[in-house]
Amino acid sequence: MAAIARLPLTHSLPSKFNPSLFLSQSISFPTYLLRSPFRSFSPILCSSSSLGDSRSLGSDSNASIVGDLLDYLNESWTQFHATAEAKRQLLAAGFDLLSENEDWKLKPGGRYFFTRNMSCLVAFAVGEKYVPGNGFHAIAAHTDSPCLKLKPKSASSKFGYLMVNVQTYGGGLWHTWFDRDLSVAGRAIVRASDGSFVHRLVKVKRPLLRVPTLAIHLDSTVNSDGFKPNLETQLVPLLATKPDESSAESKDKNVSSKDAHHPLLMQILSDDLDCKVEDIVSLELNICDTQPSCLGGANNEFIFSGRLDNLASSFCALRALIDSCESSESLSTEHDIRMIALFDNEEVGSDSCQGAGAPTMFQAMRRIVSSLGNKQVTECTFDRAIRKSFLVSADMAHGVHPNFADKHEENHRPQLHKGLVIKHNANQRYATSGITSFLFKEVAKLHDLPIQEFVVRNDMGCGSTIGPILASGVGIRTVDCGIAQLSMHSVREICGTDDIDIAYRHFKAFYRSFSSVDKKLVVDD
């Protein structure tokens, strides 16, 4: 729910963008889109390839990460894919993969990460001057977004159509899922040839499903009465027309009472997984919009995408951590530990093994202190570390809507392109306090970054984040902030390109400068 003032972060946009160029000649892409450890960008007509920016990231604090965010969004159709892509980038950047099932042997200057359920990830970099009892500087976000998920038994048929029964996950704007080109993605457990079971990701990239709206001729009052579909009976995607049952081939593909999912769908999944249908022993699938994330607006100043809430925050945190450690000197003077924690299930309350309600992050912190402390760790070493720590809870923020400005408190109307939004709530729906807000603003001031603030109207309900959950878990100081966006929880959301770059710079500044800012403030002396 943040907005940003326009800074001199110009994208060097071409005066005219001619899509026919993609059809007639090869394109030379900006070097920052090709830089390891991030994927080279595949050109699509509405993409970061229209950014005429020749800067490389390196030490240039003004370099844009928007193109890499688009790649990340297009790769990350589900929480599983988002975690797997973050894992790939961390490995490419030199981070070591840990297992929660094994002992950790850590050292100052080391960079590490682990995953849980392949939908939750914790990564951290240890300062070379770290001593037991020093703090953690952490940014937490979440990998999940509101979506439709296949029911355990999804196969159904109605009036000659093969249908796929779904569950609603989170608080989505479900009417936006109608008339979209949809498909499925998620994970499968596959039986290997040796009898073991393998965790595999699956993504069917072509349009496979659609939830059609009812023609206005059959619902003539929909524009006056509103579109209010029954989520159980009317939000059911079409998969195919039912084949002629008289043919032998169709009988093989028809659903029987023992089939949990349509045989036709299972065959499509097995083709994608390159395995036999009978070797797929478990599925956990999301319904996903197939339209790629892209740039939009007359000046390419917007990002049009699904899952901006909250993959935009997750990616900015990931990149800030990686890039804050990329030079050999970056950790040489660091006394603390830099961390990100990307959780699943925020949209449904965080109460899961892989959600922020589990003690994942704090268990990791305790193990880190213990591993690095050797014989110097006492009973209160971890407690002292928490007192010195600071958490940034990063989740998207509500930008002021030009057509519904009265939904915002008149003095707290975040705008796109005007910086991260600090979220306040007197009833602790957000974890921000006067102290944590001040410290986060001081980091921004030190690096000449814009900042905004948000508070909900008294006559409206207030959402929440993982901030209060984590802050109350062990008493860690926390600020809630986010990038301003429109259409939150729609199948297709909007945010500003400048906001992505400013959030990235603010998070990187937090890692590099927070210690010096924090030392200047004394509260409980």
Protein backbone atom coordinates (compact mmCIF):
# COMPACT_ATOMS: atom_id res chain seq x y z
CA MET A 1 0.00 0.00 0.00
CA ALA A 2 2.79 2.36 -0.79
CA ALA A 3 3.47 5.09 -3.26
CA ILE A 4 6.62 6.70 -4.55
CA ALA A 5 7.80 10.10 -5.61
CA ARG A 6 9.42 9.96 -9.00
CA LEU A 7 13.18 9.90 -8.61
CA PRO A 8 15.82 10.27 -11.32
CA LEU A 9 15.56 6.52 -12.06
CA THR A 10 14.71 7.03 -15.71
CA HIS A 11 14.29 3.92 -17.77
CA SER A 12 15.55 5.57 -20.97
CA LEU A 13 12.31 4.57 -22.65
CA PRO A 14 12.19 4.58 -26.43
CA SER A 15 10.04 7.34 -27.87
CA LYS A 16 8.16 4.72 -29.86
CA PHE A 17 7.94 1.02 -29.20
CA ASN A 18 7.42 -0.93 -32.41
CA PRO A 19 6.33 -4.55 -31.76
CA SER A 20 7.12 -5.45 -35.37
CA LEU A 21 10.82 -5.21 -34.46
CA PHE A 22 10.47 -8.53 -32.67
CA LEU A 23 9.24 -10.14 -35.85
CA SER A 24 11.74 -8.60 -38.25
CA GLN A 25 15.08 -8.55 -36.46
CA SER A 26 16.99 -9.78 -33.48
CA ILE A 27 16.99 -7.60 -30.38
CA SER A 28 20.02 -6.68 -28.30
CA PHE A 29 18.93 -6.94 -24.69
CA PRO A 30 20.17 -4.78 -21.78
CA THR A 31 23.06 -6.34 -19.96
CA TYR A 32 21.27 -6.18 -16.63
CA LEU A 33 18.70 -8.64 -17.98
CA LEU A 34 21.40 -11.12 -18.91
CA ARG A 35 23.54 -10.95 -15.78
CA SER A 36 24.03 -14.13 -13.77
CA PRO A 37 22.53 -15.40 -11.51
CA PHE A 38 19.30 -14.23 -13.13
CA ARG A 39 17.59 -15.64 -16.19
CA SER A 40 17.98 -14.05 -19.57
CA PHE A 41 14.71 -12.42 -20.53
CA SER A 42 12.51 -14.02 -23.15
CA PRO A 43 11.00 -11.29 -25.32
CA ILE A 44 7.25 -10.91 -25.40
CA LEU A 45 5.44 -7.96 -26.91
CA CYS A 46 4.52 -6.57 -23.50
CA SER A 47 7.68 -7.07 -21.47
CA SER A 48 10.80 -5.58 -20.00
CA SER A 49 12.44 -5.79 -23.39
CA SER A 50 10.89 -2.41 -24.14
CA LEU A 51 13.16 -0.91 -21.49
CA GLY A 52 15.95 0.78 -23.37
CA ASP A 53 18.30 0.55 -20.40
CA SER A 54 21.91 -0.48 -20.98
CA ARG A 55 23.03 -0.28 -17.36
CA SER A 56 24.36 -3.32 -15.57
CA LEU A 57 23.58 -3.90 -11.92
CA GLY A 58 26.95 -4.32 -10.22
CA SER A 59 27.62 -1.43 -7.86
CA ASP A 60 25.21 0.97 -9.58
CA SER A 61 22.59 1.67 -6.90
CA ASN A 62 20.30 3.22 -9.52
CA ALA A 63 20.20 0.16 -11.79
CA SER A 64 16.73 -1.23 -12.42
CA ILE A 65 15.61 -4.72 -11.38
CA VAL A 66 12.21 -4.46 -13.10
CA GLY A 67 13.16 -6.77 -15.97
CA ASP A 68 14.37 -9.43 -13.53
CA LEU A 69 11.15 -9.09 -11.52
CA LEU A 70 9.10 -9.79 -14.65
CA ASP A 71 11.18 -12.93 -15.23
CA TYR A 72 10.62 -13.99 -11.63
CA LEU A 73 6.86 -13.42 -11.84
CA ASN A 74 6.56 -15.32 -15.10
CA GLU A 75 8.52 -18.21 -13.64
CA SER A 76 6.64 -18.23 -10.31
CA TRP A 77 3.10 -19.32 -11.06
CA THR A 78 2.78 -20.95 -7.63
CA GLN A 79 4.38 -20.68 -4.20
CA PHE A 80 6.39 -23.79 -5.06
CA HIS A 81 7.78 -22.30 -8.26
CA ALA A 82 8.56 -19.01 -6.47
CA THR A 83 10.57 -20.87 -3.84
CA ALA A 84 12.34 -23.02 -6.42
CA GLU A 85 13.32 -19.94 -8.45
CA ALA A 86 14.59 -18.18 -5.32
CA LYS A 87 16.60 -21.32 -4.53
CA ARG A 88 18.11 -21.30 -8.03
CA GLN A 89 19.16 -17.66 -7.73
CA LEU A 90 20.68 -18.14 -4.28
CA LEU A 91 22.72 -21.13 -5.44
CA ALA A 92 23.91 -19.18 -8.48
CA ALA A 93 24.94 -16.32 -6.17
CA GLY A 94 27.10 -18.62 -4.03
CA PHE A 95 24.78 -19.35 -1.10
CA ASP A 96 25.12 -22.81 0.46
CA LEU A 97 22.03 -25.02 0.80
CA LEU A 98 21.37 -26.29 4.33
CA SER A 99 19.04 -29.04 5.51
CA GLU A 100 16.90 -28.64 8.61
CA ASN A 101 17.43 -32.37 9.20
CA GLU A 102 21.20 -32.07 9.61
CA ASP A 103 23.69 -30.26 11.85
CA TRP A 104 24.79 -26.84 10.63
CA LYS A 105 28.44 -25.88 10.50
CA LEU A 106 28.42 -22.12 9.90
CA LYS A 107 31.18 -19.53 9.84
CA PRO A 108 31.42 -15.72 9.76
CA GLY A 109 31.31 -14.48 6.18
CA GLY A 110 29.24 -17.47 5.09
CA ARG A 111 26.00 -17.31 3.09
CA TYR A 112 23.34 -19.98 3.58
CA PHE A 113 19.69 -20.89 3.03
CA PHE A 114 17.17 -23.69 3.47
CA THR A 115 13.66 -24.44 2.25
CA ARG A 116 10.68 -25.97 3.98
CA ASN A 117 7.89 -27.67 2.03
CA MET A 118 9.40 -26.04 -1.10
CA SER A 119 7.07 -23.12 -0.38
CA CYS A 120 8.96 -21.44 2.47
CA LEU A 121 12.58 -20.25 2.38
CA VAL A 122 15.01 -18.68 4.86
CA ALA A 123 18.34 -17.26 3.64
CA PHE A 124 21.03 -15.42 5.60
CA ALA A 125 24.52 -13.95 5.32
CA VAL A 126 26.81 -13.79 8.34
CA GLY A 127 28.97 -10.71 8.85
CA GLU A 128 32.68 -11.48 9.09
CA LYS A 129 32.87 -9.52 12.35
CA TYR A 130 29.89 -11.29 13.90
CA VAL A 131 30.17 -12.31 17.56
CA PRO A 132 27.53 -14.30 19.48
CA GLY A 133 24.79 -12.02 20.76
CA ASN A 134 24.82 -9.65 17.80
CA GLY A 135 21.53 -9.12 16.01
CA PHE A 136 19.64 -10.16 12.88
CA HIS A 137 18.46 -7.70 10.25
CA ALA A 138 15.62 -9.54 8.56
CA ILE A 139 13.04 -8.92 5.84
CA ALA A 140 9.99 -11.20 5.79
CA ALA A 141 7.45 -11.62 2.99
CA HIS A 142 5.21 -14.38 1.64
CA THR A 143 5.13 -16.58 -1.45
CA ASP A 144 1.41 -17.36 -1.69
CA SER A 145 -1.38 -15.39 -3.36
CA PRO A 146 -5.18 -15.79 -3.50
CA CYS A 147 -6.06 -18.36 -6.15
CA LEU A 148 -8.21 -21.35 -6.99
CA LYS A 149 -6.92 -24.81 -6.07
CA LEU A 150 -8.03 -28.20 -7.31
CA LYS A 151 -10.11 -30.21 -4.88
CA PRO A 152 -8.72 -33.64 -3.91
CA LYS A 153 -11.38 -35.10 -6.19
CA SER A 154 -11.80 -32.53 -8.95
CA ALA A 155 -13.41 -34.48 -11.78
CA SER A 156 -17.03 -33.72 -12.64
CA SER A 157 -19.20 -33.58 -15.76
CA LYS A 158 -22.17 -31.39 -16.61
CA PHE A 159 -24.24 -31.23 -19.79
CA GLY A 160 -21.52 -32.54 -22.04
CA TYR A 161 -18.63 -30.62 -20.44
CA LEU A 162 -15.72 -31.95 -18.42
CA MET A 163 -15.43 -29.68 -15.37
CA VAL A 164 -12.72 -29.24 -12.72
CA ASN A 165 -13.96 -28.63 -9.18
CA VAL A 166 -11.92 -26.06 -7.23
CA GLN A 167 -11.52 -24.54 -3.79
CA THR A 168 -11.08 -20.82 -3.18
CA TYR A 169 -7.81 -19.99 -1.42
CA GLY A 170 -7.61 -16.68 0.44
CA GLY A 171 -9.70 -13.57 -0.14
CA GLY A 172 -9.60 -13.23 -3.90
CA LEU A 173 -11.61 -10.94 -6.13
CA TRP A 174 -13.19 -14.02 -7.65
CA HIS A 175 -15.20 -12.27 -10.34
CA THR A 176 -11.88 -11.34 -12.02
CA TRP A 177 -11.19 -15.04 -12.66
CA PHE A 178 -14.08 -15.33 -15.09
CA ASP A 179 -13.29 -15.30 -18.83
CA ARG A 180 -9.56 -15.66 -18.27
CA ASP A 181 -7.23 -18.08 -20.07
CA LEU A 182 -6.33 -20.40 -17.20
CA SER A 183 -4.15 -23.43 -16.64
CA VAL A 184 -2.74 -25.53 -13.79
CA ALA A 185 0.59 -25.52 -11.98
CA GLY A 186 1.94 -26.83 -8.71
CA ARG A 187 3.68 -29.96 -7.54
CA ALA A 188 3.41 -33.69 -7.93
CA ILE A 189 4.81 -36.67 -6.09
CA VAL A 190 6.02 -39.11 -8.73
CA ARG A 191 7.02 -42.75 -8.29
CA ALA A 192 10.54 -43.34 -9.64
CA SER A 193 11.68 -46.50 -11.40
CA ASP A 194 13.49 -47.71 -8.25
CA GLY A 195 10.30 -47.45 -6.18
CA SER A 196 11.24 -44.20 -4.42
CA PHE A 197 9.10 -41.06 -4.60
CA VAL A 198 10.24 -37.78 -6.14
CA HIS A 199 8.99 -34.23 -5.57
CA ARG A 200 8.42 -32.59 -8.98
CA LEU A 201 7.10 -29.20 -10.10
CA VAL A 202 4.60 -29.05 -12.93
CA LYS A 203 3.37 -26.14 -15.04
CA VAL A 204 1.08 -26.48 -18.07
CA LYS A 205 1.85 -23.25 -19.89
CA ARG A 206 -0.90 -23.33 -22.51
CA PRO A 207 -4.47 -22.15 -21.81
CA LEU A 208 -6.28 -25.22 -20.52
CA LEU A 209 -9.26 -24.00 -18.50
CA ARG A 210 -11.81 -21.21 -18.50
CA VAL A 211 -14.66 -20.06 -16.24
CA PRO A 212 -17.17 -18.50 -18.66
CA THR A 213 -19.54 -15.75 -17.60
CA LEU A 214 -23.24 -15.92 -18.36
CA ALA A 215 -24.30 -13.84 -21.37
CA ILE A 216 -26.07 -10.62 -20.45
CA HIS A 217 -29.07 -11.77 -22.49
CA LEU A 218 -29.60 -14.46 -19.86
CA ASP A 219 -28.78 -12.20 -16.89
CA SER A 220 -30.15 -8.80 -17.89
CA THR A 221 -29.94 -7.27 -14.39
CA VAL A 222 -26.28 -8.11 -13.74
CA ASN A 223 -25.08 -4.52 -14.32
CA SER A 224 -27.66 -3.06 -11.93
CA ASP A 225 -27.75 -5.80 -9.29
CA GLY A 226 -24.06 -6.72 -9.45
CA PHE A 227 -22.24 -9.89 -10.37
CA LYS A 228 -22.52 -12.24 -7.39
CA PRO A 229 -21.58 -15.76 -8.47
CA ASN A 230 -22.08 -18.75 -6.22
CA LEU A 231 -18.51 -19.84 -5.55
CA GLU A 232 -19.41 -23.52 -5.24
CA THR A 233 -21.65 -23.99 -8.27
CA GLN A 234 -20.72 -21.17 -10.68
CA LEU A 235 -16.94 -20.83 -10.25
CA VAL A 236 -16.17 -24.17 -11.90
CA PRO A 237 -13.68 -24.17 -14.80
CA LEU A 238 -14.35 -25.97 -18.08
CA LEU A 239 -11.67 -28.43 -19.18
CA ALA A 240 -13.13 -29.90 -22.37
CA THR A 241 -16.29 -31.05 -24.09
CA LYS A 242 -17.16 -34.56 -23.08
CA PRO A 243 -16.04 -37.04 -25.75
CA ASP A 244 -18.46 -39.31 -27.52
CA GLU A 245 -18.91 -42.23 -25.15
CA SER A 246 -19.64 -44.62 -28.02
CA SER A 247 -16.02 -44.76 -29.20
CA ALA A 248 -13.48 -47.08 -27.57
CA GLU A 249 -10.92 -44.30 -27.27
CA SER A 250 -13.34 -41.99 -25.48
CA LYS A 251 -14.26 -44.72 -23.01
CA ASP A 252 -10.61 -44.91 -21.94
CA LYS A 253 -10.57 -41.16 -21.30
CA ASN A 254 -13.92 -40.84 -19.57
CA VAL A 255 -13.99 -40.32 -15.85
CA SER A 256 -15.08 -43.23 -13.69
CA SER A 257 -16.19 -43.22 -10.09
CA LYS A 258 -12.69 -44.19 -8.94
CA ASP A 259 -10.92 -41.34 -10.80
CA ALA A 260 -10.05 -38.36 -8.57
CA HIS A 261 -9.16 -36.24 -11.60
CA HIS A 262 -10.16 -36.45 -15.24
CA PRO A 263 -7.99 -38.96 -17.15
CA LEU A 264 -7.58 -36.30 -19.84
CA LEU A 265 -6.10 -33.87 -17.29
CA MET A 266 -3.89 -36.59 -15.84
CA GLN A 267 -2.54 -37.39 -19.30
CA ILE A 268 -1.69 -33.71 -19.87
CA LEU A 269 0.12 -33.60 -16.52
CA SER A 270 2.02 -36.81 -17.20
CA ASP A 271 3.16 -35.44 -20.55
CA ASP A 272 4.48 -32.31 -18.82
CA LEU A 273 6.18 -34.41 -16.13
CA ASP A 274 7.44 -36.96 -18.67
CA CYS A 275 6.18 -39.86 -16.61
CA LYS A 276 3.39 -42.44 -16.69
CA VAL A 277 -0.03 -41.42 -15.42
CA GLU A 278 0.00 -44.27 -12.90
CA ASP A 279 3.30 -42.98 -11.46
CA ILE A 280 1.68 -39.71 -10.33
CA VAL A 281 0.73 -40.57 -6.76
CA SER A 282 -0.15 -37.13 -5.36
CA LEU A 283 -1.00 -33.67 -6.72
CA GLU A 284 -1.22 -30.18 -5.24
CA LEU A 285 -2.30 -27.84 -8.02
CA ASN A 286 -3.25 -24.18 -8.35
CA ILE A 287 -5.34 -22.68 -11.11
CA CYS A 288 -3.19 -19.98 -12.75
CA ASP A 289 -3.71 -17.18 -15.26
CA THR A 290 -1.58 -17.79 -18.34
CA GLN A 291 -1.20 -14.14 -19.41
CA PRO A 292 2.44 -13.13 -18.86
CA SER A 293 3.47 -10.40 -16.45
CA CYS A 294 4.40 -7.32 -18.47
CA LEU A 295 4.98 -3.59 -18.60
CA GLY A 296 2.04 -1.31 -19.31
CA GLY A 297 0.96 2.30 -19.43
CA ALA A 298 1.80 4.97 -22.01
CA ASN A 299 5.31 5.33 -20.60
CA ASN A 300 5.74 1.69 -19.52
CA GLU A 301 5.47 2.95 -15.95
CA PHE A 302 3.22 0.12 -14.70
CA ILE A 303 3.63 -3.59 -14.12
CA PHE A 304 0.54 -5.62 -15.02
CA SER A 305 0.69 -9.02 -13.38
CA GLY A 306 -0.89 -11.60 -11.16
CA ARG A 307 0.64 -12.38 -7.76
CA LEU A 308 2.27 -9.00 -7.20
CA ASP A 309 0.92 -9.50 -3.69
CA ASN A 310 3.34 -10.64 -2.52
CA LEU A 311 5.96 -11.86 -4.98
CA ALA A 312 7.03 -8.28 -5.70
CA SER A 313 8.09 -7.88 -2.07
CA SER A 314 9.65 -11.33 -1.99
CA PHE A 315 11.77 -10.62 -5.04
CA CYS A 316 12.93 -7.19 -3.84
CA ALA A 317 14.00 -8.75 -0.54
CA LEU A 318 15.76 -11.63 -2.30
CA ARG A 319 17.67 -9.35 -4.62
CA ALA A 320 18.56 -6.92 -1.86
CA LEU A 321 20.10 -9.73 0.19
CA ILE A 322 22.02 -11.20 -2.75
CA ASP A 323 23.30 -7.86 -4.04
CA SER A 324 24.19 -6.54 -0.57
CA CYS A 325 26.62 -9.47 -0.31
CA GLU A 326 27.96 -9.49 -3.86
CA SER A 327 31.27 -7.69 -3.32
CA SER A 328 34.04 -9.21 -1.23
CA GLU A 329 34.02 -6.16 1.05
CA SER A 330 30.27 -6.14 1.69
CA LEU A 331 30.36 -8.57 4.63
CA SER A 332 33.92 -7.79 5.75
CA THR A 333 32.82 -4.98 8.06
CA GLU A 334 29.41 -6.42 9.00
CA HIS A 335 28.88 -7.31 12.67
CA ASP A 336 25.35 -8.69 12.29
CA ILE A 337 23.43 -11.25 10.24
CA ARG A 338 21.36 -10.32 7.17
CA MET A 339 18.31 -12.49 6.58
CA ILE A 340 15.19 -12.98 4.47
CA ALA A 341 12.26 -15.25 5.34
CA LEU A 342 9.66 -16.03 2.68
CA PHE A 343 6.62 -17.80 4.12
CA ASP A 344 3.64 -19.65 2.68
CA ASN A 345 -0.03 -19.45 3.72
CA GLU A 346 -0.12 -15.75 4.72
CA GLU A 347 -3.33 -15.30 2.76
CA VAL A 348 -5.13 -17.81 4.99
CA GLY A 349 -3.75 -16.84 8.40
CA SER A 350 -0.19 -18.29 8.44
CA ASP A 351 -1.12 -21.19 10.74
CA SER A 352 0.81 -23.97 9.04
CA CYS A 353 4.17 -25.72 9.17
CA GLN A 354 5.41 -23.49 6.35
CA GLY A 355 3.61 -20.31 7.45
CA ALA A 356 4.81 -17.44 9.61
CA GLY A 357 2.81 -18.86 12.52
CA ALA A 358 5.34 -21.69 12.76
CA PRO A 359 8.61 -20.93 14.62
CA THR A 360 10.67 -21.52 11.45
CA MET A 361 12.55 -18.23 11.41
CA PHE A 362 13.22 -18.14 15.15
CA GLN A 363 14.33 -21.76 15.23
CA ALA A 364 16.76 -20.90 12.46
CA MET A 365 18.01 -17.87 14.38
CA ARG A 366 18.61 -19.99 17.48
CA ARG A 367 20.49 -22.61 15.46
CA ILE A 368 22.60 -19.93 13.81
CA VAL A 369 23.56 -18.40 17.16
CA SER A 370 24.38 -21.82 18.54
CA SER A 371 26.45 -22.90 15.53
CA LEU A 372 28.45 -19.68 15.36
CA GLY A 373 28.89 -19.39 19.10
CA ASN A 374 30.79 -22.63 19.68
CA LYS A 375 31.47 -22.59 23.43
CA GLN A 376 30.68 -18.89 23.87
CA VAL A 377 26.88 -19.35 23.84
CA THR A 378 25.11 -18.98 27.17
CA GLU A 379 21.44 -19.28 28.03
CA CYS A 380 20.77 -15.62 27.26
CA THR A 381 22.89 -15.25 24.10
CA PHE A 382 19.90 -15.76 21.80
CA ASP A 383 17.74 -13.43 23.88
CA ARG A 384 20.36 -10.68 23.60
CA ALA A 385 20.52 -11.24 19.84
CA ILE A 386 16.74 -10.82 19.50
CA ARG A 387 16.83 -7.58 21.50
CA LYS A 388 19.36 -6.21 18.99
CA SER A 389 17.45 -7.46 15.95
CA PHE A 390 15.04 -5.73 13.60
CA LEU A 391 12.43 -7.15 11.22
CA VAL A 392 10.93 -5.54 8.12
CA SER A 393 7.56 -7.13 7.35
CA ALA A 394 7.15 -6.45 3.62
CA ASP A 395 3.69 -6.88 2.12
CA MET A 396 1.96 -4.94 -0.63
CA ALA A 397 0.07 -1.76 0.24
CA HIS A 398 -3.15 -0.15 -0.99
CA GLY A 399 -2.39 2.75 -3.32
CA VAL A 400 -5.09 5.40 -3.59
CA HIS A 401 -7.55 4.49 -6.35
CA PRO A 402 -8.41 7.52 -8.53
CA ASN A 403 -12.01 6.34 -8.88
CA PHE A 404 -12.46 5.46 -5.19
CA ALA A 405 -10.29 8.00 -3.33
CA ASP A 406 -12.86 8.24 -0.52
CA LYS A 407 -11.88 4.71 0.58
CA HIS A 408 -8.63 6.16 1.95
CA GLU A 409 -8.15 8.38 5.00
CA GLU A 410 -7.67 11.85 3.50
CA ASN A 411 -4.15 12.42 4.88
CA HIS A 412 -2.88 8.92 4.14
CA ARG A 413 -3.34 8.24 0.46
CA PRO A 414 -0.26 6.44 -0.87
CA GLN A 415 0.50 6.92 -4.53
CA LEU A 416 2.30 4.82 -7.07
CA HIS A 417 5.89 5.94 -7.80
CA LYS A 418 6.40 7.63 -4.41
CA GLY A 419 8.24 5.14 -2.24
CA LEU A 420 7.61 2.38 0.24
CA VAL A 421 4.54 2.78 2.47
CA ILE A 422 4.90 2.39 6.24
CA LYS A 423 1.67 0.91 7.63
CA HIS A 424 0.26 2.00 10.99
CA ASN A 425 -2.65 0.67 13.05
CA ALA A 426 -3.37 1.59 16.66
CA ASN A 427 -5.02 -1.81 17.22
CA GLN A 428 -1.86 -3.67 16.21
CA ARG A 429 -3.12 -5.08 12.92
CA TYR A 430 0.30 -3.87 11.79
CA ALA A 431 3.40 -4.23 13.98
CA THR A 432 4.77 -0.73 13.32
CA SER A 433 5.55 1.43 16.35
CA GLY A 434 6.82 4.99 16.65
CA ILE A 435 10.32 3.60 17.23
CA THR A 436 10.39 1.14 14.33
CA SER A 437 8.84 3.66 11.95
CA PHE A 438 11.47 6.25 12.90
CA LEU A 439 14.37 3.86 12.37
CA PHE A 440 13.12 2.73 8.96
CA LYS A 441 12.59 6.37 7.91
CA GLU A 442 16.11 7.24 9.02
CA VAL A 443 17.52 4.58 6.71
CA ALA A 444 15.49 6.14 3.88
CA LYS A 445 16.69 9.64 4.76
CA LEU A 446 20.31 8.52 4.83
CA HIS A 447 19.98 7.25 1.24
CA ASP A 448 17.65 9.98 -0.06
CA LEU A 449 14.73 7.59 -0.58
CA PRO A 450 11.07 8.66 -0.49
CA ILE A 451 8.69 7.18 2.06
CA GLN A 452 4.92 7.27 2.59
CA GLU A 453 2.56 6.33 5.41
CA PHE A 454 -0.80 4.62 5.57
CA VAL A 455 -3.53 4.26 8.17
CA VAL A 456 -6.98 2.85 7.51
CA ARG A 457 -10.14 4.90 8.02
CA ASN A 458 -11.88 4.43 11.38
CA ASP A 459 -15.08 3.34 9.65
CA MET A 460 -13.38 0.54 7.71
CA GLY A 461 -11.81 -2.76 8.67
CA CYS A 462 -8.05 -3.18 8.51
CA GLY A 463 -6.18 -6.09 7.01
CA SER A 464 -3.12 -7.57 8.64
CA THR A 465 0.24 -9.11 7.77
CA ILE A 466 2.79 -11.54 9.13
CA GLY A 467 4.31 -8.58 11.01
CA PRO A 468 2.29 -8.90 14.25
CA ILE A 469 2.65 -12.70 14.19
CA LEU A 470 6.44 -12.53 14.03
CA ALA A 471 6.80 -9.52 16.33
CA SER A 472 4.86 -11.24 19.09
CA GLY A 473 6.64 -14.57 18.53
CA VAL A 474 9.81 -13.58 20.38
CA GLY A 475 9.47 -9.81 20.81
CA ILE A 476 11.49 -8.68 17.80
CA ARG A 477 11.20 -5.01 16.78
CA THR A 478 9.16 -4.84 13.59
CA VAL A 479 8.01 -2.34 10.98
CA ASP A 480 5.25 -3.14 8.48
CA CYS A 481 5.73 -1.66 5.02
CA GLY A 482 4.81 -2.35 1.42
CA ILE A 483 4.83 -1.31 -2.21
CA ALA A 484 1.72 0.58 -3.32
CA GLN A 485 -0.50 -1.24 -5.77
CA LEU A 486 -4.00 -1.22 -7.27
CA SER A 487 -6.36 -4.17 -7.81
CA MET A 488 -4.99 -6.11 -4.84
CA HIS A 489 -6.16 -9.75 -4.88
CA SER A 490 -7.39 -9.51 -8.46
CA VAL A 491 -6.22 -12.12 -10.94
CA ARG A 492 -4.38 -9.19 -12.55
CA GLU A 493 -2.83 -6.49 -10.35
CA ILE A 494 -0.99 -3.20 -10.98
CA CYS A 495 2.03 -1.51 -9.42
CA GLY A 496 4.57 1.11 -10.49
CA THR A 497 7.98 0.27 -11.93
CA ASP A 498 9.73 2.95 -9.88
CA ASP A 499 8.31 1.44 -6.70
CA ILE A 500 10.07 -1.84 -7.38
CA ASP A 501 13.45 -0.16 -7.77
CA ILE A 502 12.94 2.06 -4.72
CA ALA A 503 11.89 -0.91 -2.56
CA TYR A 504 14.98 -2.82 -3.69
CA ARG A 505 17.24 0.14 -2.88
CA HIS A 506 15.53 0.70 0.49
CA PHE A 507 15.93 -2.96 1.48
CA LYS A 508 19.57 -2.99 0.40
CA ALA A 509 20.15 0.24 2.35
CA PHE A 510 18.53 -1.39 5.37
CA TYR A 511 21.07 -4.22 5.28
CA ARG A 512 24.03 -1.92 4.87
CA SER A 513 23.06 1.01 7.10
CA PHE A 514 20.67 -0.09 9.84
CA SER A 515 23.36 -0.83 12.42
CA SER A 516 24.77 2.70 12.26
CA VAL A 517 21.26 4.21 12.54
CA ASP A 518 20.22 1.96 15.41
CA LYS A 519 23.28 2.87 17.49
CA LYS A 520 22.17 6.49 17.62
CA LEU A 521 18.86 5.72 19.36
CA VAL A 522 18.58 4.83 23.05
CA VAL A 523 15.17 3.84 24.39
CA ASP A 524 15.47 1.41 27.31
CA ASP A 525 18.65 2.60 29.05
